[in-house]
């Protein structure tokens, strides 16, 4: 680095860090479509209606019991 004083080393490091962050964020944003589909199906399966039960009434009972 001493021999190459004309290079702005802090800018080189800053750019390398920025590019690494951009690459990693892009990698994390990629989604597996099949995994998303399975999760959506599981979510629908778990959110079935239960006859004779009201979530509003249950919440009200719990809040009033405090």
Protein backbone atom coordinates (compact mmCIF):
# COMPACT_ATOMS: atom_id res chain seq x y z
CA UNK A 1 0.00 0.00 0.00
CA UNK A 2 2.92 2.32 0.67
CA UNK A 3 4.07 1.91 -2.93
CA UNK A 4 0.60 2.70 -4.28
CA UNK A 5 -0.12 5.97 -2.50
CA UNK A 6 -2.19 7.25 -5.44
CA UNK A 7 -4.94 4.74 -4.55
CA UNK A 8 -7.60 5.85 -2.10
CA UNK A 9 -7.55 2.71 0.07
CA UNK A 10 -10.39 3.77 2.32
CA UNK A 11 -12.59 4.10 -0.78
CA UNK A 12 -11.49 0.65 -2.00
CA UNK A 13 -12.41 -0.90 1.35
CA UNK A 14 -15.69 1.04 1.53
CA UNK A 15 -16.66 -0.13 -1.99
CA UNK A 16 -15.76 -3.76 -1.18
CA UNK A 17 -17.89 -3.68 1.96
CA UNK A 18 -20.79 -2.09 0.09
CA UNK A 19 -20.63 -4.69 -2.72
CA UNK A 20 -20.53 -7.51 -0.18
CA UNK A 21 -23.60 -6.14 1.59
CA UNK A 22 -25.49 -5.75 -1.70
CA UNK A 23 -24.62 -9.34 -2.70
CA UNK A 24 -25.65 -10.78 0.66
CA UNK A 25 -28.93 -8.83 0.76
CA UNK A 26 -29.76 -10.07 -2.75
CA UNK A 27 -29.00 -13.64 -1.66
CA UNK A 28 -31.25 -13.30 1.39
CA UNK A 29 -34.11 -11.86 -0.71
CA UNK A 30 -34.19 -14.87 -3.00
CA UNK A 31 -37.01 -17.14 -2.00
CA UNK A 32 -37.66 -20.78 -2.66
CA UNK A 33 -41.09 -20.75 -4.38
CA UNK A 34 -41.85 -24.35 -3.36
CA UNK A 35 -41.05 -23.61 0.29
CA UNK A 36 -43.33 -20.54 0.18
CA UNK A 37 -46.16 -22.63 -1.34
CA UNK A 38 -45.81 -25.32 1.35
CA UNK A 39 -45.83 -22.68 4.09
CA UNK A 40 -48.97 -21.07 2.66
CA UNK A 41 -50.74 -24.44 2.52
CA UNK A 42 -49.72 -25.23 6.10
CA UNK A 43 -50.92 -21.81 7.23
CA UNK A 44 -54.31 -22.37 5.59
CA UNK A 45 -54.53 -25.80 7.21
CA UNK A 46 -53.84 -24.36 10.66
CA UNK A 47 -56.30 -21.46 10.33
CA UNK A 48 -59.47 -23.52 10.09
CA UNK A 49 -62.72 -22.34 11.66
CA UNK A 50 -63.90 -24.01 14.83
CA UNK A 51 -67.67 -24.12 15.17
CA UNK A 52 -69.05 -22.69 18.40
CA UNK A 53 -65.88 -20.79 19.35
CA UNK A 54 -65.39 -17.05 19.06
CA UNK A 55 -61.92 -15.58 19.34
CA UNK A 56 -63.43 -12.19 20.20
CA UNK A 57 -65.28 -13.66 23.17
CA UNK A 58 -62.23 -15.61 24.34
CA UNK A 59 -60.04 -12.50 24.25
CA UNK A 60 -62.68 -10.50 26.10
CA UNK A 61 -62.88 -13.19 28.83
CA UNK A 62 -59.11 -13.24 29.27
CA UNK A 63 -58.89 -9.46 29.44
CA UNK A 64 -61.70 -9.22 31.98
CA UNK A 65 -60.12 -11.97 34.10
CA UNK A 66 -57.00 -9.84 34.67
